[in-house]
Structure formats: structure tokens, C-alpha cells
Amino acid sequence: MTEKKTFVGLQALRALAALLVVIQHSVYFSCLATGTDSASFRGLQFGTTGVFIFFLISGAVMALATTKEGPTAFALSRLTRIYPAYFLALGLAYIVLSIAGQPPQITPDASLLLLPTGTLNSSFNVPYWTLIYEMQFYFLLWLAALCRTTHYARMWLTVGWALIILVASVAGAKVPVANPTLTQIPFAAVNLFFAFGYVMALGMMTREWRPFFAMVLLTSAMSVYANAWSATYLALAVLCGSTVFIAIKADEGLVPKWLAKAGDHSYGLYLAHLPIIAAIYNWAPGWPLWAMIAATLSCGLLGGLAFGRLEHWMYTRYWRPIAKGAHLVSPVAQAQAS
């Protein structure tokens, strides 16, 4: 699994996953604005599918990242990739929603720092709850790298984590998906998507498939016979996991370049589209449903992609070089200090 192939296939899939989330929010808010029942549409699980694909992709990409980077480089690369764009999105949301007449409430909520506090500040309309799970996953991988564990050990540790989640679910542990606390988040069932992506990608890299098959067997058996995981989540895991596997294996020539390029901007699109859609909803011009969907979908996509292009440029121009520079300079500084 080469880095180039992984980047192209998974970047294209990132763009499609972000599109699913934008469609979900566009139609949902349009139905709210026009008083239309959205139950049938929500049953299609577009947004949920997009988010779970993101989680699986994160797991797969981290298998590659932890291969190339040590603990310090890994931590710096993750922090600079997540936080600057996220804080920029919060600023954009404040401006857009203030113009729409409903400025976000600025509260001393540690969840805005992507910490699992059990609360969320939904007034910004930035779907940052998923980033809280991302940061937890990165923290666990950083600990594993700090302990100098091998790929083989990390795979089985991930299987063990999955088993703990499944056992906790059978035991009746209830974890609010969107706003878990610090003690609840390690047992959330959605973590299994990160685990599947990580073990699957490491299996493809190392040709060691026993941990992956063990995880599949455990999850399937405990879901079917002990109701550890809902049938919906199990089906989505199969669907999303198969999609990510195909994206990793897809030949570069089969992936449209424009779609892979859109994947570069998918993180910014994910962060910025919802405040734009919420602003249009707040204006509620009284248009028919089709017009509201057209307005929210087009503005959410165009505005989100524009923000995604900006944040990706800032990341490649500033944040990534700063992280790499700090990692390279720090050993020298330490040697001089000693």
C-alpha cells in the first residue's frame, strides 16, 4: 500500500463522505424551514454514513502515519492538522451566524477545545463532536507510539479495545454518542469504526490478517448473539469498511483527479458547511422545499469548499512546515541545552 495510492483513493472517498454529510444537513434544515416531515429522508442515514466513513479513513490513514512518524512528530502533525482549521471555522461560524441575526454563544466550555466534557456548544453549528473522537483516537495512538509498541502489538491492542467496547455494550453501558464524558468516550461504540480502519490498513501493510479477522468475528458474533452492536451499525460497518478497502486498493488511474483534489478540501468543507446552512435557515425566506434545498446545498458546498481550499493552503503553507520544523529543531535545542 503505497502512500501515493492511499492518498488518491482515500482523498476521493473523503470528498464523497463530506458530500453525504452536506446533503444530510441541507435537506434536514430545508425540511425544518418549510415544515416538511424529514423522517423518511433521515432514515437513509446519509450523514451517519459519511461520518463513519471519515472515522474508518482516519483509522486507515493513522496506520500509515504511525509507520512513518515518531511520537513527537505524530503529535505535532495531528495537532497542527486539527486545531488551526477548527478554530478558524469557529471564527467563520461566528461571523456568518452573526450576520444572520443569531450569533453563537461564547461559553467557557472545554468541549470547544475538543475535550470530552459531556456537553456541546451547538450554537456555533460546527459539528465538532466528531473531532473529539478523533483526538481521543490520536491520543491513544500517541501513547502506543510513546511505548514503542510494534505494529503487531498495536493491532492486538486495538482488538482488545474493540472487545472492551463490545463487552461494555452487552453489560448495558449507555454512552451518548454526540457528547460523552471523559470516562464514557473510550466505551462508545462508534470507536469501532476507527479500530476497524486501523487494523484493516495495518493488515494490508503487513499481510498479517489475524487481528482483523478476529475483530470481525468478535464483532459479528457479539452483535448477532448478544446485541452488542445494533444491526444498523453492523451493516454500516460492512458497507463503509468495504468502501474504504476498495478506495485503498483502487488504481490511481481510476480515481478522477478533481475528486481527489476535492478530498484535499473535505476537512474544511465538513467544518464550514453547517454554519452556512444554518444561516440560510435562520433567514427562512419562505421559499418552497426545492428552492431551500437548492440554496442550502449549493451555498453549503461552495462556501465549504472555498473555506476548505483556504484552510488547506494555510496548512500546507504554514502549519505543516511549522510542525516539521519544530520536530527537527527540538533535538538540536535539547542537545545544546544539555
Protein backbone atom coordinates (compact mmCIF):
# COMPACT_ATOMS: atom_id res chain seq x y z
CA MET A 1 0.00 0.00 0.00
CA THR A 2 1.95 2.99 -1.23
CA GLU A 3 1.46 6.46 0.19
CA LYS A 4 0.50 7.83 -3.23
CA LYS A 5 -2.20 5.26 -3.86
CA THR A 6 -3.58 5.65 -0.35
CA PHE A 7 -3.72 9.42 -0.73
CA VAL A 8 -5.53 9.40 -4.05
CA GLY A 9 -8.12 6.73 -3.27
CA LEU A 10 -8.91 7.83 0.26
CA GLN A 11 -8.87 11.53 -0.62
CA ALA A 12 -11.55 10.92 -3.22
CA LEU A 13 -13.58 8.95 -0.69
CA ARG A 14 -13.19 11.79 1.81
CA ALA A 15 -14.84 14.13 -0.69
CA LEU A 16 -17.78 11.76 -1.15
CA ALA A 17 -18.16 11.31 2.61
CA ALA A 18 -18.23 15.08 3.11
CA LEU A 19 -20.83 15.37 0.35
CA LEU A 20 -23.09 12.89 2.16
CA VAL A 21 -22.89 14.97 5.34
CA VAL A 22 -23.66 18.20 3.47
CA ILE A 23 -26.68 16.61 1.78
CA GLN A 24 -27.95 15.37 5.13
CA HIS A 25 -27.78 18.81 6.74
CA SER A 26 -29.09 20.60 3.67
CA VAL A 27 -32.24 18.51 3.37
CA TYR A 28 -32.83 18.37 7.13
CA PHE A 29 -32.66 22.14 7.65
CA SER A 30 -34.70 22.75 4.50
CA CYS A 31 -37.43 20.48 5.83
CA LEU A 32 -37.35 22.35 9.14
CA ALA A 33 -37.66 25.69 7.37
CA THR A 34 -40.64 24.57 5.30
CA GLY A 35 -42.35 22.42 7.93
CA THR A 36 -41.82 19.23 5.92
CA ASP A 37 -41.52 15.86 7.62
CA SER A 38 -37.94 14.60 7.19
CA ALA A 39 -38.29 11.22 8.91
CA SER A 40 -38.13 9.20 5.68
CA PHE A 41 -35.07 11.06 4.47
CA ARG A 42 -33.27 10.76 7.82
CA GLY A 43 -33.82 7.02 7.61
CA LEU A 44 -31.41 6.94 4.66
CA GLN A 45 -28.56 7.69 7.10
CA PHE A 46 -26.58 9.83 4.63
CA GLY A 47 -24.88 11.90 7.32
CA THR A 48 -24.19 8.92 9.58
CA THR A 49 -22.65 7.01 6.69
CA GLY A 50 -20.43 9.96 5.80
CA VAL A 51 -19.20 10.35 9.38
CA PHE A 52 -18.46 6.65 9.78
CA ILE A 53 -16.53 6.65 6.50
CA PHE A 54 -14.48 9.53 7.91
CA PHE A 55 -13.77 7.50 11.05
CA LEU A 56 -12.69 4.46 9.05
CA ILE A 57 -10.47 6.60 6.83
CA SER A 58 -8.88 8.17 9.91
CA GLY A 59 -8.10 4.73 11.26
CA ALA A 60 -6.58 3.65 7.94
CA VAL A 61 -4.52 6.81 7.49
CA MET A 62 -3.20 6.62 11.04
CA ALA A 63 -1.85 3.15 10.28
CA LEU A 64 0.38 4.82 7.69
CA ALA A 65 1.19 7.88 9.83
CA THR A 66 2.37 5.88 12.82
CA THR A 67 4.59 3.87 10.48
CA LYS A 68 6.48 6.95 9.30
CA GLU A 69 6.47 9.20 12.38
CA GLY A 70 7.78 9.01 15.92
CA PRO A 71 5.71 10.15 18.92
CA THR A 72 6.75 13.82 18.75
CA ALA A 73 6.29 14.17 15.01
CA PHE A 74 2.97 12.34 15.18
CA ALA A 75 1.62 14.61 17.93
CA LEU A 76 2.72 17.80 16.18
CA SER A 77 1.29 16.72 12.83
CA ARG A 78 -2.09 15.83 14.34
CA LEU A 79 -2.36 19.00 16.45
CA THR A 80 -1.49 21.29 13.55
CA ARG A 81 -3.85 19.47 11.22
CA ILE A 82 -6.87 19.59 13.51
CA TYR A 83 -6.82 22.73 15.65
CA PRO A 84 -5.93 25.69 13.37
CA ALA A 85 -8.64 24.87 10.81
CA TYR A 86 -11.12 24.12 13.58
CA PHE A 87 -10.56 27.45 15.35
CA LEU A 88 -10.76 29.23 12.01
CA ALA A 89 -14.10 27.52 11.38
CA LEU A 90 -15.39 28.72 14.76
CA GLY A 91 -14.47 32.26 13.77
CA LEU A 92 -16.20 31.90 10.41
CA ALA A 93 -19.30 30.50 12.10
CA TYR A 94 -19.42 33.45 14.48
CA ILE A 95 -19.27 35.94 11.60
CA VAL A 96 -21.79 34.13 9.36
CA LEU A 97 -24.33 33.46 12.10
CA SER A 98 -23.98 36.99 13.48
CA ILE A 99 -24.84 38.37 10.05
CA ALA A 100 -27.84 36.02 10.02
CA GLY A 101 -29.02 37.53 13.30
CA GLN A 102 -28.18 34.63 15.62
CA PRO A 103 -24.61 34.98 16.91
CA PRO A 104 -23.16 31.94 18.71
CA GLN A 105 -22.93 31.95 22.48
CA ILE A 106 -19.36 32.09 23.71
CA THR A 107 -19.21 29.96 26.84
CA PRO A 108 -16.31 28.58 28.94
CA ASP A 109 -16.99 25.10 27.64
CA ALA A 110 -13.92 22.87 27.46
CA SER A 111 -15.60 20.82 24.76
CA LEU A 112 -14.71 23.69 22.40
CA LEU A 113 -11.12 22.60 22.98
CA LEU A 114 -12.15 19.13 21.75
CA LEU A 115 -12.24 17.60 25.21
CA PRO A 116 -14.99 15.09 26.13
CA THR A 117 -16.90 17.03 28.79
CA GLY A 118 -20.39 15.63 28.24
CA THR A 119 -21.61 18.93 26.79
CA LEU A 120 -21.52 20.64 23.40
CA ASN A 121 -21.85 24.24 22.28
CA SER A 122 -24.26 23.74 19.41
CA SER A 123 -24.77 27.48 18.87
CA PHE A 124 -21.74 27.57 16.54
CA ASN A 125 -23.27 24.86 14.32
CA VAL A 126 -19.80 23.40 13.76
CA PRO A 127 -20.08 19.58 14.02
CA TYR A 128 -17.02 19.29 16.24
CA TRP A 129 -18.27 16.30 18.24
CA THR A 130 -16.58 14.03 15.71
CA LEU A 131 -13.27 15.79 16.28
CA ILE A 132 -13.48 14.91 19.97
CA TYR A 133 -13.45 11.24 18.96
CA GLU A 134 -10.62 11.92 16.52
CA MET A 135 -8.47 13.50 19.23
CA GLN A 136 -9.14 10.60 21.59
CA PHE A 137 -8.02 8.13 18.92
CA TYR A 138 -4.90 10.15 18.18
CA PHE A 139 -4.07 10.33 21.88
CA LEU A 140 -4.27 6.55 22.22
CA LEU A 141 -2.04 6.09 19.17
CA TRP A 142 0.42 8.61 20.60
CA LEU A 143 0.59 6.60 23.83
CA ALA A 144 1.21 3.42 21.82
CA ALA A 145 3.99 5.12 19.86
CA LEU A 146 5.48 6.52 23.07
CA CYS A 147 5.64 2.98 24.46
CA ARG A 148 7.45 1.86 21.29
CA THR A 149 4.94 -0.87 20.56
CA THR A 150 5.23 -2.81 17.34
CA HIS A 151 2.60 -2.84 14.60
CA TYR A 152 1.67 -6.36 15.60
CA ALA A 153 1.18 -5.34 19.23
CA ARG A 154 -0.88 -2.29 18.25
CA MET A 155 -3.16 -4.41 16.13
CA TRP A 156 -3.92 -6.76 19.02
CA LEU A 157 -4.26 -3.85 21.44
CA THR A 158 -6.86 -2.40 19.07
CA VAL A 159 -8.69 -5.73 19.00
CA GLY A 160 -8.63 -5.72 22.81
CA TRP A 161 -10.09 -2.20 22.84
CA ALA A 162 -12.85 -3.35 20.49
CA LEU A 163 -13.60 -6.30 22.77
CA ILE A 164 -13.88 -3.99 25.80
CA ILE A 165 -16.33 -1.78 23.91
CA LEU A 166 -18.46 -4.76 22.90
CA VAL A 167 -18.46 -6.24 26.42
CA ALA A 168 -19.40 -2.86 27.89
CA SER A 169 -22.28 -2.61 25.44
CA VAL A 170 -23.54 -6.09 26.39
CA ALA A 171 -23.27 -5.09 30.05
CA GLY A 172 -25.62 -2.19 29.39
CA ALA A 173 -23.22 0.76 29.22
CA LYS A 174 -25.04 3.76 27.76
CA VAL A 175 -22.80 6.31 26.06
CA PRO A 176 -24.32 9.44 24.47
CA VAL A 177 -22.74 9.43 21.04
CA ALA A 178 -22.54 13.18 20.47
CA ASN A 179 -21.47 14.32 23.94
CA PRO A 180 -19.70 11.63 26.01
CA THR A 181 -17.73 12.41 29.13
CA LEU A 182 -14.06 11.57 29.63
CA THR A 183 -14.91 8.28 31.33
CA GLN A 184 -17.57 7.35 28.78
CA ILE A 185 -15.86 8.06 25.47
CA PRO A 186 -13.47 5.04 25.44
CA PHE A 187 -16.54 2.76 25.55
CA ALA A 188 -18.52 4.45 22.76
CA ALA A 189 -19.47 2.02 20.00
CA VAL A 190 -18.52 4.46 17.23
CA ASN A 191 -14.86 3.93 18.19
CA LEU A 192 -15.13 0.56 16.49
CA PHE A 193 -15.03 2.33 13.12
CA PHE A 194 -11.61 3.79 13.94
CA ALA A 195 -10.49 0.37 15.15
CA PHE A 196 -11.67 -1.41 12.01
CA GLY A 197 -9.98 1.11 9.72
CA TYR A 198 -6.72 0.94 11.64
CA VAL A 199 -6.46 -2.85 11.86
CA MET A 200 -7.60 -3.32 8.26
CA ALA A 201 -4.99 -0.92 6.90
CA LEU A 202 -2.22 -2.44 9.02
CA GLY A 203 -3.30 -5.85 7.79
CA MET A 204 -2.91 -4.64 4.21
CA MET A 205 0.53 -3.19 5.00
CA THR A 206 1.95 -6.10 7.00
CA ARG A 207 -0.02 -9.00 5.44
CA GLU A 208 -0.90 -10.00 8.99
CA TRP A 209 -4.66 -10.53 8.87
CA ARG A 210 -5.32 -12.50 12.07
CA PRO A 211 -6.14 -9.43 14.22
CA PHE A 212 -8.56 -8.10 11.61
CA PHE A 213 -10.37 -11.41 11.21
CA ALA A 214 -10.50 -11.77 15.00
CA MET A 215 -12.13 -8.34 15.26
CA VAL A 216 -14.64 -9.16 12.52
CA LEU A 217 -15.52 -12.47 14.18
CA LEU A 218 -15.87 -10.93 17.64
CA THR A 219 -17.98 -8.02 16.45
CA SER A 220 -20.25 -10.14 14.27
CA ALA A 221 -20.80 -12.86 16.88
CA MET A 222 -21.41 -10.50 19.78
CA SER A 223 -23.70 -8.30 17.67
CA VAL A 224 -25.81 -11.18 16.36
CA TYR A 225 -26.00 -13.26 19.53
CA ALA A 226 -25.58 -10.68 22.32
CA ASN A 227 -26.85 -7.48 20.68
CA ALA A 228 -23.55 -5.75 21.41
CA TRP A 229 -23.88 -3.61 18.29
CA SER A 230 -27.08 -2.66 16.51
CA ALA A 231 -27.89 -4.23 13.15
CA THR A 232 -27.71 -0.76 11.60
CA TYR A 233 -24.18 -0.14 12.85
CA LEU A 234 -23.07 -3.62 11.83
CA ALA A 235 -24.45 -3.12 8.31
CA LEU A 236 -22.83 0.31 8.07
CA ALA A 237 -19.52 -1.14 9.25
CA VAL A 238 -19.62 -3.71 6.43
CA LEU A 239 -20.65 -1.11 3.85
CA CYS A 240 -18.21 1.60 4.92
CA GLY A 241 -15.36 -0.83 5.58
CA SER A 242 -15.73 -2.38 2.13
CA THR A 243 -15.77 1.09 0.57
CA VAL A 244 -12.57 2.12 2.35
CA PHE A 245 -10.89 -1.16 1.38
CA ILE A 246 -11.78 -0.57 -2.28
CA ALA A 247 -10.54 3.04 -2.06
CA ILE A 248 -7.19 1.88 -0.71
CA LYS A 249 -6.80 -0.76 -3.42
CA ALA A 250 -8.16 1.37 -6.28
CA ASP A 251 -5.74 2.08 -9.09
CA GLU A 252 -4.74 5.73 -9.32
CA GLY A 253 -5.91 5.94 -12.92
CA LEU A 254 -9.46 5.01 -11.91
CA VAL A 255 -9.79 7.95 -9.50
CA PRO A 256 -10.83 11.29 -11.04
CA LYS A 257 -8.21 13.89 -10.23
CA TRP A 258 -10.82 16.55 -9.48
CA LEU A 259 -12.44 14.27 -6.92
CA ALA A 260 -9.14 13.56 -5.19
CA LYS A 261 -8.45 17.30 -5.21
CA ALA A 262 -11.83 17.92 -3.61
CA GLY A 263 -10.75 15.48 -0.90
CA ASP A 264 -7.94 17.90 -0.01
CA HIS A 265 -10.64 20.42 0.90
CA SER A 266 -13.04 17.98 2.57
CA TYR A 267 -11.97 18.79 6.14
CA GLY A 268 -12.75 22.46 5.65
CA LEU A 269 -15.97 21.59 3.85
CA TYR A 270 -17.05 19.45 6.78
CA LEU A 271 -16.28 22.19 9.30
CA ALA A 272 -17.77 25.17 7.47
CA HIS A 273 -20.84 23.94 5.60
CA LEU A 274 -23.23 23.72 8.55
CA PRO A 275 -22.92 27.33 9.80
CA ILE A 276 -23.68 28.48 6.25
CA ILE A 277 -26.72 26.21 6.02
CA ALA A 278 -27.87 27.29 9.48
CA ALA A 279 -27.57 30.95 8.47
CA ILE A 280 -29.82 30.39 5.46
CA TYR A 281 -32.25 28.53 7.70
CA ASN A 282 -32.29 31.45 10.15
CA TRP A 283 -33.21 33.81 7.36
CA ALA A 284 -36.02 31.37 6.39
CA PRO A 285 -37.12 33.28 3.29
CA GLY A 286 -40.31 31.23 2.96
CA TRP A 287 -39.25 29.51 -0.24
CA PRO A 288 -40.62 26.12 -1.30
CA LEU A 289 -38.75 22.99 -0.27
CA TRP A 290 -36.91 22.50 -3.56
CA ALA A 291 -35.65 26.09 -3.51
CA MET A 292 -34.47 25.78 0.10
CA ILE A 293 -32.61 22.56 -0.71
CA ALA A 294 -31.02 24.16 -3.77
CA ALA A 295 -29.95 27.22 -1.76
CA THR A 296 -28.60 25.38 1.28
CA LEU A 297 -26.88 22.66 -0.75
CA SER A 298 -25.21 24.98 -3.26
CA CYS A 299 -24.17 27.59 -0.68
CA GLY A 300 -23.04 24.93 1.78
CA LEU A 301 -20.92 23.20 -0.86
CA LEU A 302 -19.46 26.30 -2.47
CA GLY A 303 -18.82 28.12 0.79
CA GLY A 304 -17.47 25.00 2.47
CA LEU A 305 -15.14 24.18 -0.42
CA ALA A 306 -13.88 27.77 -0.50
CA PHE A 307 -13.11 27.55 3.21
CA GLY A 308 -11.57 24.12 2.66
CA ARG A 309 -9.29 25.49 -0.01
CA LEU A 310 -8.22 28.33 2.30
CA GLU A 311 -7.54 26.14 5.31
CA HIS A 312 -5.69 23.55 3.23
CA TRP A 313 -3.49 26.27 1.76
CA MET A 314 -2.77 27.60 5.25
CA TYR A 315 -1.99 24.10 6.46
CA THR A 316 0.45 23.28 3.66
CA ARG A 317 1.96 26.79 3.67
CA TYR A 318 2.28 27.38 7.41
CA TRP A 319 1.10 24.77 9.91
CA ARG A 320 2.68 21.64 8.42
CA PRO A 321 6.10 23.27 7.88
CA ILE A 322 5.97 24.68 11.41
CA ALA A 323 5.24 21.22 12.83
CA LYS A 324 8.01 19.61 10.82
CA GLY A 325 10.42 22.40 11.68
CA ALA A 326 9.68 22.18 15.39
CA HIS A 327 10.23 18.43 15.32
CA LEU A 328 13.55 18.77 13.53
CA VAL A 329 14.80 21.65 15.66
CA SER A 330 13.82 20.27 19.04
CA PRO A 331 16.54 17.55 19.28
CA VAL A 332 19.20 20.16 18.42
CA ALA A 333 17.86 22.54 21.05
CA GLN A 334 17.83 19.77 23.61
CA ALA A 335 21.40 18.83 22.80
CA GLN A 336 22.53 22.43 23.13
CA ALA A 337 20.71 22.78 26.44
CA SER A 338 22.41 19.70 27.81
